[in-house]
């Protein structure tokens, strides 16, 4: 499975998180999820089975993932997901190139220092109906200094239902949070495990992982 893309896009006073992943050769689809405020706003899927009839080309799939990720970011920046607004895509694109739209979010920066959450097992996978041992570190993005007393919340997100809080707690003096929990049996659909971190001196941070339901 190819490493995915994750981007936070600030637009219209809201922060959209875009996550694009390859679901693997056994399920040849590229899926982009858009999150706002801890909920899944939209899901975009592309079936690339016809692209691998003659063999799997990782470089091609990576390019398809990047292209789709950029299109989703563009849609957000031109107002496709604005609330109560009627944005004109054609008019907007006539004034700005795609690269300008996609890269615009880089110009936004918060007053607080950025924080990152890093799993001890970065390749950890999450499955419906499984028991999970989770260990992560909270660090400042600049300098990688540990951040103690970060409130960590682990939630299950889905388009079909409201966010479900699975467990929560705080990082210790070394910036480490460790917990164990069970993921319930989930029906077919798109579910993600959202791990959020909050601290008064830092910008909120989160990491998201798809939950396998089959």
C-alpha atoms as a PDB file:
ATOM      1  CA  UNK A   1       0.000   0.000   0.000  1.00  0.00           C
ATOM      2  CA  UNK A   2       1.299   3.433  -0.993  1.00  0.00           C
ATOM      3  CA  UNK A   3       1.775   6.179   1.591  1.00  0.00           C
ATOM      4  CA  UNK A   4      -1.077   8.675   1.443  1.00  0.00           C
ATOM      5  CA  UNK A   5      -1.370  12.464   1.556  1.00  0.00           C
ATOM      6  CA  UNK A   6      -2.678  14.595   4.446  1.00  0.00           C
ATOM      7  CA  UNK A   7      -3.277  18.349   4.231  1.00  0.00           C
ATOM      8  CA  UNK A   8      -4.980  20.933   6.444  1.00  0.00           C
ATOM      9  CA  UNK A   9      -6.678  23.626   4.353  1.00  0.00           C
ATOM     10  CA  UNK A  10      -7.834  26.883   5.969  1.00  0.00           C
ATOM     11  CA  UNK A  11     -10.731  28.478   4.100  1.00  0.00           C
ATOM     12  CA  UNK A  12     -13.708  30.625   5.038  1.00  0.00           C
ATOM     13  CA  UNK A  13     -12.910  30.570   8.734  1.00  0.00           C
ATOM     14  CA  UNK A  14     -12.853  26.771   8.852  1.00  0.00           C
ATOM     15  CA  UNK A  15     -10.100  24.162   8.745  1.00  0.00           C
ATOM     16  CA  UNK A  16     -10.651  21.288   6.319  1.00  0.00           C
ATOM     17  CA  UNK A  17      -8.499  18.179   6.657  1.00  0.00           C
ATOM     18  CA  UNK A  18      -7.981  16.271   3.402  1.00  0.00           C
ATOM     19  CA  UNK A  19      -6.738  12.690   3.537  1.00  0.00           C
ATOM     20  CA  UNK A  20      -6.056  10.689   0.374  1.00  0.00           C
ATOM     21  CA  UNK A  21      -5.131   7.001   0.482  1.00  0.00           C
ATOM     22  CA  UNK A  22      -4.680   4.039  -1.817  1.00  0.00           C
ATOM     23  CA  UNK A  23      -6.842   1.135  -0.641  1.00  0.00           C
ATOM     24  CA  UNK A  24      -4.511  -1.461  -2.164  1.00  0.00           C
ATOM     25  CA  UNK A  25      -4.339  -3.806  -5.139  1.00  0.00           C
ATOM     26  CA  UNK A  26      -7.080  -6.052  -3.728  1.00  0.00           C
ATOM     27  CA  UNK A  27      -9.430  -3.043  -3.695  1.00  0.00           C
ATOM     28  CA  UNK A  28      -7.977  -0.742  -6.372  1.00  0.00           C
ATOM     29  CA  UNK A  29      -9.470   2.562  -5.350  1.00  0.00           C
ATOM     30  CA  UNK A  30      -8.093   5.952  -4.371  1.00  0.00           C
ATOM     31  CA  UNK A  31     -10.161   7.517  -1.604  1.00  0.00           C
ATOM     32  CA  UNK A  32     -10.095  11.121  -0.427  1.00  0.00           C
ATOM     33  CA  UNK A  33     -11.879  12.060   2.792  1.00  0.00           C
ATOM     34  CA  UNK A  34     -12.689  15.629   3.819  1.00  0.00           C
ATOM     35  CA  UNK A  35     -13.062  16.356   7.528  1.00  0.00           C
ATOM     36  CA  UNK A  36     -14.374  19.469   9.267  1.00  0.00           C
ATOM     37  CA  UNK A  37     -14.659  19.801  13.022  1.00  0.00           C
ATOM     38  CA  UNK A  38     -14.050  16.121  13.647  1.00  0.00           C
ATOM     39  CA  UNK A  39     -16.700  14.914  11.172  1.00  0.00           C
ATOM     40  CA  UNK A  40     -16.422  13.502   7.664  1.00  0.00           C
ATOM     41  CA  UNK A  41     -17.858  16.065   5.252  1.00  0.00           C
ATOM     42  CA  UNK A  42     -17.373  14.178   1.993  1.00  0.00           C
ATOM     43  CA  UNK A  43     -15.779  11.099   0.462  1.00  0.00           C
ATOM     44  CA  UNK A  44     -14.350  10.952  -3.078  1.00  0.00           C
ATOM     45  CA  UNK A  45     -13.382   7.624  -4.658  1.00  0.00           C
ATOM     46  CA  UNK A  46     -11.667   6.733  -7.931  1.00  0.00           C
ATOM     47  CA  UNK A  47     -11.495   3.157  -9.256  1.00  0.00           C
ATOM     48  CA  UNK A  48      -8.161   2.577 -11.008  1.00  0.00           C
ATOM     49  CA  UNK A  49      -8.622  -1.129 -11.807  1.00  0.00           C
ATOM     50  CA  UNK A  50      -8.440  -0.417 -15.546  1.00  0.00           C
ATOM     51  CA  UNK A  51      -5.074   1.280 -15.021  1.00  0.00           C
ATOM     52  CA  UNK A  52      -3.411  -1.890 -13.692  1.00  0.00           C
ATOM     53  CA  UNK A  53      -4.639  -4.463 -16.211  1.00  0.00           C
ATOM     54  CA  UNK A  54      -1.053  -4.888 -17.439  1.00  0.00           C
ATOM     55  CA  UNK A  55       0.478  -4.753 -13.969  1.00  0.00           C
ATOM     56  CA  UNK A  56       0.639  -2.537 -10.902  1.00  0.00           C
ATOM     57  CA  UNK A  57       2.599   0.677 -11.463  1.00  0.00           C
ATOM     58  CA  UNK A  58       3.330   2.342  -8.115  1.00  0.00           C
ATOM     59  CA  UNK A  59       4.562   5.556  -9.733  1.00  0.00           C
ATOM     60  CA  UNK A  60       1.345   5.879 -11.739  1.00  0.00           C
ATOM     61  CA  UNK A  61      -0.890   5.255  -8.723  1.00  0.00           C
ATOM     62  CA  UNK A  62       1.093   7.758  -6.658  1.00  0.00           C
ATOM     63  CA  UNK A  63       0.576  10.364  -9.381  1.00  0.00           C
ATOM     64  CA  UNK A  64      -3.156   9.602  -9.530  1.00  0.00           C
ATOM     65  CA  UNK A  65      -3.348  10.008  -5.750  1.00  0.00           C
ATOM     66  CA  UNK A  66      -1.535  13.340  -5.875  1.00  0.00           C
ATOM     67  CA  UNK A  67      -3.745  14.607  -8.707  1.00  0.00           C
ATOM     68  CA  UNK A  68      -6.923  13.684  -6.840  1.00  0.00           C
ATOM     69  CA  UNK A  69      -5.604  15.209  -3.599  1.00  0.00           C
ATOM     70  CA  UNK A  70      -4.837  18.471  -5.401  1.00  0.00           C
ATOM     71  CA  UNK A  71      -8.294  18.544  -7.030  1.00  0.00           C
ATOM     72  CA  UNK A  72      -9.989  18.163  -3.655  1.00  0.00           C
ATOM     73  CA  UNK A  73      -7.888  20.994  -2.192  1.00  0.00           C
ATOM     74  CA  UNK A  74      -8.788  23.138  -5.195  1.00  0.00           C
ATOM     75  CA  UNK A  75     -12.501  22.408  -4.713  1.00  0.00           C
ATOM     76  CA  UNK A  76     -12.265  23.541  -1.091  1.00  0.00           C
ATOM     77  CA  UNK A  77     -10.377  26.733  -1.947  1.00  0.00           C
ATOM     78  CA  UNK A  78     -12.849  27.727  -4.669  1.00  0.00           C
ATOM     79  CA  UNK A  79     -15.772  27.356  -2.277  1.00  0.00           C
ATOM     80  CA  UNK A  80     -17.377  24.032  -3.206  1.00  0.00           C
ATOM     81  CA  UNK A  81     -17.925  23.249   0.482  1.00  0.00           C
ATOM     82  CA  UNK A  82     -18.748  26.767   1.651  1.00  0.00           C
ATOM     83  CA  UNK A  83     -21.842  27.164   3.815  1.00  0.00           C
ATOM     84  CA  UNK A  84     -24.560  29.308   2.288  1.00  0.00           C
ATOM     85  CA  UNK A  85     -22.375  30.656  -0.498  1.00  0.00           C
ATOM     86  CA  UNK A  86     -22.599  30.179  -4.260  1.00  0.00           C
ATOM     87  CA  UNK A  87     -19.022  30.217  -5.482  1.00  0.00           C
ATOM     88  CA  UNK A  88     -18.298  30.302  -9.210  1.00  0.00           C
ATOM     89  CA  UNK A  89     -15.644  27.719 -10.056  1.00  0.00           C
ATOM     90  CA  UNK A  90     -15.131  28.827 -13.652  1.00  0.00           C
ATOM     91  CA  UNK A  91     -14.744  32.488 -12.711  1.00  0.00           C
ATOM     92  CA  UNK A  92     -12.305  31.667  -9.922  1.00  0.00           C
ATOM     93  CA  UNK A  93     -10.115  29.413 -12.053  1.00  0.00           C
ATOM     94  CA  UNK A  94      -9.981  32.047 -14.777  1.00  0.00           C
ATOM     95  CA  UNK A  95      -8.083  34.257 -12.332  1.00  0.00           C
ATOM     96  CA  UNK A  96      -5.862  31.706 -10.604  1.00  0.00           C
ATOM     97  CA  UNK A  97      -3.891  28.705 -11.776  1.00  0.00           C
ATOM     98  CA  UNK A  98      -4.369  25.323 -10.116  1.00  0.00           C
ATOM     99  CA  UNK A  99      -0.954  25.563  -8.451  1.00  0.00           C
ATOM    100  CA  UNK A 100      -1.832  28.960  -6.984  1.00  0.00           C
ATOM    101  CA  UNK A 101      -5.041  27.576  -5.532  1.00  0.00           C
ATOM    102  CA  UNK A 102      -3.472  24.430  -4.077  1.00  0.00           C
ATOM    103  CA  UNK A 103      -0.495  26.233  -2.563  1.00  0.00           C
ATOM    104  CA  UNK A 104      -2.489  29.139  -1.133  1.00  0.00           C
ATOM    105  CA  UNK A 105      -3.067  27.370   2.174  1.00  0.00           C
ATOM    106  CA  UNK A 106       0.687  27.476   2.867  1.00  0.00           C
ATOM    107  CA  UNK A 107       0.426  31.221   3.403  1.00  0.00           C
ATOM    108  CA  UNK A 108      -1.780  30.747   6.460  1.00  0.00           C
ATOM    109  CA  UNK A 109      -0.007  30.417   9.806  1.00  0.00           C
ATOM    110  CA  UNK A 110      -1.339  30.489  13.358  1.00  0.00           C
ATOM    111  CA  UNK A 111       0.060  32.517  16.229  1.00  0.00           C
ATOM    112  CA  UNK A 112       0.626  29.421  18.350  1.00  0.00           C
ATOM    113  CA  UNK A 113       3.424  26.920  17.844  1.00  0.00           C
ATOM    114  CA  UNK A 114       2.531  23.801  15.907  1.00  0.00           C
ATOM    115  CA  UNK A 115       2.380  20.401  17.572  1.00  0.00           C
ATOM    116  CA  UNK A 116       2.541  16.956  15.993  1.00  0.00           C
ATOM    117  CA  UNK A 117       1.366  13.531  17.146  1.00  0.00           C
ATOM    118  CA  UNK A 118       3.490  10.533  16.192  1.00  0.00           C
ATOM    119  CA  UNK A 119       2.542   6.893  16.708  1.00  0.00           C
ATOM    120  CA  UNK A 120       5.277   4.636  18.055  1.00  0.00           C
ATOM    121  CA  UNK A 121       4.255   2.128  15.370  1.00  0.00           C
ATOM    122  CA  UNK A 122       3.739   4.387  12.360  1.00  0.00           C
ATOM    123  CA  UNK A 123       2.655   1.424  10.229  1.00  0.00           C
ATOM    124  CA  UNK A 124      -0.026   0.342  12.690  1.00  0.00           C
ATOM    125  CA  UNK A 125      -3.305  -0.718  11.101  1.00  0.00           C
ATOM    126  CA  UNK A 126      -6.753  -0.604  12.635  1.00  0.00           C
ATOM    127  CA  UNK A 127      -9.516  -3.126  11.972  1.00  0.00           C
ATOM    128  CA  UNK A 128     -13.159  -3.419  12.878  1.00  0.00           C
ATOM    129  CA  UNK A 129     -13.728  -5.621  15.936  1.00  0.00           C
ATOM    130  CA  UNK A 130     -10.081  -5.616  17.029  1.00  0.00           C
ATOM    131  CA  UNK A 131      -8.265  -4.803  20.253  1.00  0.00           C
ATOM    132  CA  UNK A 132      -5.791  -1.947  19.999  1.00  0.00           C
ATOM    133  CA  UNK A 133      -2.722  -0.973  21.985  1.00  0.00           C
ATOM    134  CA  UNK A 134      -1.867   2.614  21.153  1.00  0.00           C
ATOM    135  CA  UNK A 135       1.257   4.549  22.078  1.00  0.00           C
ATOM    136  CA  UNK A 136       2.090   7.978  20.735  1.00  0.00           C
ATOM    137  CA  UNK A 137       4.254  11.010  21.408  1.00  0.00           C
ATOM    138  CA  UNK A 138       3.261  14.676  21.279  1.00  0.00           C
ATOM    139  CA  UNK A 139       6.073  16.943  20.093  1.00  0.00           C
ATOM    140  CA  UNK A 140       6.589  20.514  18.974  1.00  0.00           C
ATOM    141  CA  UNK A 141       7.020  20.675  15.211  1.00  0.00           C
ATOM    142  CA  UNK A 142       9.998  22.995  15.606  1.00  0.00           C
ATOM    143  CA  UNK A 143      12.626  21.172  17.619  1.00  0.00           C
ATOM    144  CA  UNK A 144      10.667  17.977  18.309  1.00  0.00           C
ATOM    145  CA  UNK A 145      10.531  18.807  22.020  1.00  0.00           C
ATOM    146  CA  UNK A 146       8.109  16.601  24.012  1.00  0.00           C
ATOM    147  CA  UNK A 147       4.844  18.261  25.036  1.00  0.00           C
ATOM    148  CA  UNK A 148       3.420  17.065  28.384  1.00  0.00           C
ATOM    149  CA  UNK A 149      -0.215  17.419  29.497  1.00  0.00           C
ATOM    150  CA  UNK A 150      -1.666  17.224  26.016  1.00  0.00           C
ATOM    151  CA  UNK A 151      -5.292  16.131  26.085  1.00  0.00           C
ATOM    152  CA  UNK A 152      -5.596  13.185  23.696  1.00  0.00           C
ATOM    153  CA  UNK A 153      -8.978  12.039  22.373  1.00  0.00           C
ATOM    154  CA  UNK A 154      -9.466   8.961  20.198  1.00  0.00           C
ATOM    155  CA  UNK A 155     -12.655   8.977  18.120  1.00  0.00           C
ATOM    156  CA  UNK A 156     -14.293   6.922  15.398  1.00  0.00           C
ATOM    157  CA  UNK A 157     -15.560   9.078  12.527  1.00  0.00           C
ATOM    158  CA  UNK A 158     -17.992   8.204   9.762  1.00  0.00           C
ATOM    159  CA  UNK A 159     -20.297   9.900   7.288  1.00  0.00           C
ATOM    160  CA  UNK A 160     -23.128   7.679   8.547  1.00  0.00           C
ATOM    161  CA  UNK A 161     -23.018   8.683  12.218  1.00  0.00           C
ATOM    162  CA  UNK A 162     -21.868  11.227  14.778  1.00  0.00           C
ATOM    163  CA  UNK A 163     -18.270  10.963  16.097  1.00  0.00           C
ATOM    164  CA  UNK A 164     -17.852   8.292  18.786  1.00  0.00           C
ATOM    165  CA  UNK A 165     -15.345   8.923  21.583  1.00  0.00           C
ATOM    166  CA  UNK A 166     -13.416   5.699  22.213  1.00  0.00           C
ATOM    167  CA  UNK A 167     -10.960   6.826  24.887  1.00  0.00           C
ATOM    168  CA  UNK A 168      -9.171   9.922  26.161  1.00  0.00           C
ATOM    169  CA  UNK A 169      -6.377  10.951  28.501  1.00  0.00           C
ATOM    170  CA  UNK A 170      -3.244  13.102  28.808  1.00  0.00           C
ATOM    171  CA  UNK A 171       0.374  12.760  27.764  1.00  0.00           C
ATOM    172  CA  UNK A 172       2.830  12.242  30.625  1.00  0.00           C
ATOM    173  CA  UNK A 173       5.861  14.356  31.512  1.00  0.00           C
ATOM    174  CA  UNK A 174       7.731  12.889  28.541  1.00  0.00           C
ATOM    175  CA  UNK A 175       4.950  13.749  26.102  1.00  0.00           C
ATOM    176  CA  UNK A 176       3.862  10.098  25.805  1.00  0.00           C
ATOM    177  CA  UNK A 177       0.281   8.806  25.778  1.00  0.00           C
ATOM    178  CA  UNK A 178      -0.431   5.079  26.014  1.00  0.00           C
ATOM    179  CA  UNK A 179      -3.790   3.321  26.093  1.00  0.00           C
ATOM    180  CA  UNK A 180      -5.658   0.158  25.116  1.00  0.00           C
ATOM    181  CA  UNK A 181      -9.179  -0.078  23.721  1.00  0.00           C
ATOM    182  CA  UNK A 182     -11.411  -2.117  21.428  1.00  0.00           C
ATOM    183  CA  UNK A 183     -12.788  -1.040  18.078  1.00  0.00           C
ATOM    184  CA  UNK A 184     -16.390  -2.268  17.854  1.00  0.00           C
ATOM    185  CA  UNK A 185     -17.681  -4.359  14.987  1.00  0.00           C
ATOM    186  CA  UNK A 186     -18.509  -1.864  12.259  1.00  0.00           C
ATOM    187  CA  UNK A 187     -20.773  -2.280   9.221  1.00  0.00           C
ATOM    188  CA  UNK A 188     -19.492  -1.872   5.686  1.00  0.00           C
ATOM    189  CA  UNK A 189     -18.610   1.726   4.951  1.00  0.00           C
ATOM    190  CA  UNK A 190     -15.929   4.337   5.483  1.00  0.00           C
ATOM    191  CA  UNK A 191     -14.712   4.745   9.058  1.00  0.00           C
ATOM    192  CA  UNK A 192     -11.601   6.464  10.373  1.00  0.00           C
ATOM    193  CA  UNK A 193      -9.827   6.514  13.706  1.00  0.00           C
ATOM    194  CA  UNK A 194      -9.187  10.150  14.567  1.00  0.00           C
ATOM    195  CA  UNK A 195      -6.561  10.891  17.239  1.00  0.00           C
ATOM    196  CA  UNK A 196      -6.747  14.494  18.441  1.00  0.00           C
ATOM    197  CA  UNK A 197      -4.360  16.422  20.667  1.00  0.00           C
ATOM    198  CA  UNK A 198      -5.128  19.711  22.451  1.00  0.00           C
ATOM    199  CA  UNK A 199      -2.874  21.972  24.523  1.00  0.00           C
ATOM    200  CA  UNK A 200      -3.380  25.630  25.391  1.00  0.00           C
ATOM    201  CA  UNK A 201       0.056  26.689  24.158  1.00  0.00           C
ATOM    202  CA  UNK A 202      -0.088  24.878  20.807  1.00  0.00           C
ATOM    203  CA  UNK A 203      -2.248  24.595  17.734  1.00  0.00           C
ATOM    204  CA  UNK A 204      -4.482  21.489  17.895  1.00  0.00           C
ATOM    205  CA  UNK A 205      -3.078  18.428  16.121  1.00  0.00           C
ATOM    206  CA  UNK A 206      -4.607  15.237  14.825  1.00  0.00           C
ATOM    207  CA  UNK A 207      -3.803  12.131  12.840  1.00  0.00           C
ATOM    208  CA  UNK A 208      -6.284   9.936  11.010  1.00  0.00           C
ATOM    209  CA  UNK A 209      -6.240   6.295   9.965  1.00  0.00           C
ATOM    210  CA  UNK A 210      -8.730   4.295   7.939  1.00  0.00           C
ATOM    211  CA  UNK A 211     -10.409   1.468   9.845  1.00  0.00           C
ATOM    212  CA  UNK A 212     -10.580  -1.702   7.782  1.00  0.00           C
ATOM    213  CA  UNK A 213     -14.062  -3.211   7.820  1.00  0.00           C
ATOM    214  CA  UNK A 214     -13.356  -6.236   5.621  1.00  0.00           C
END
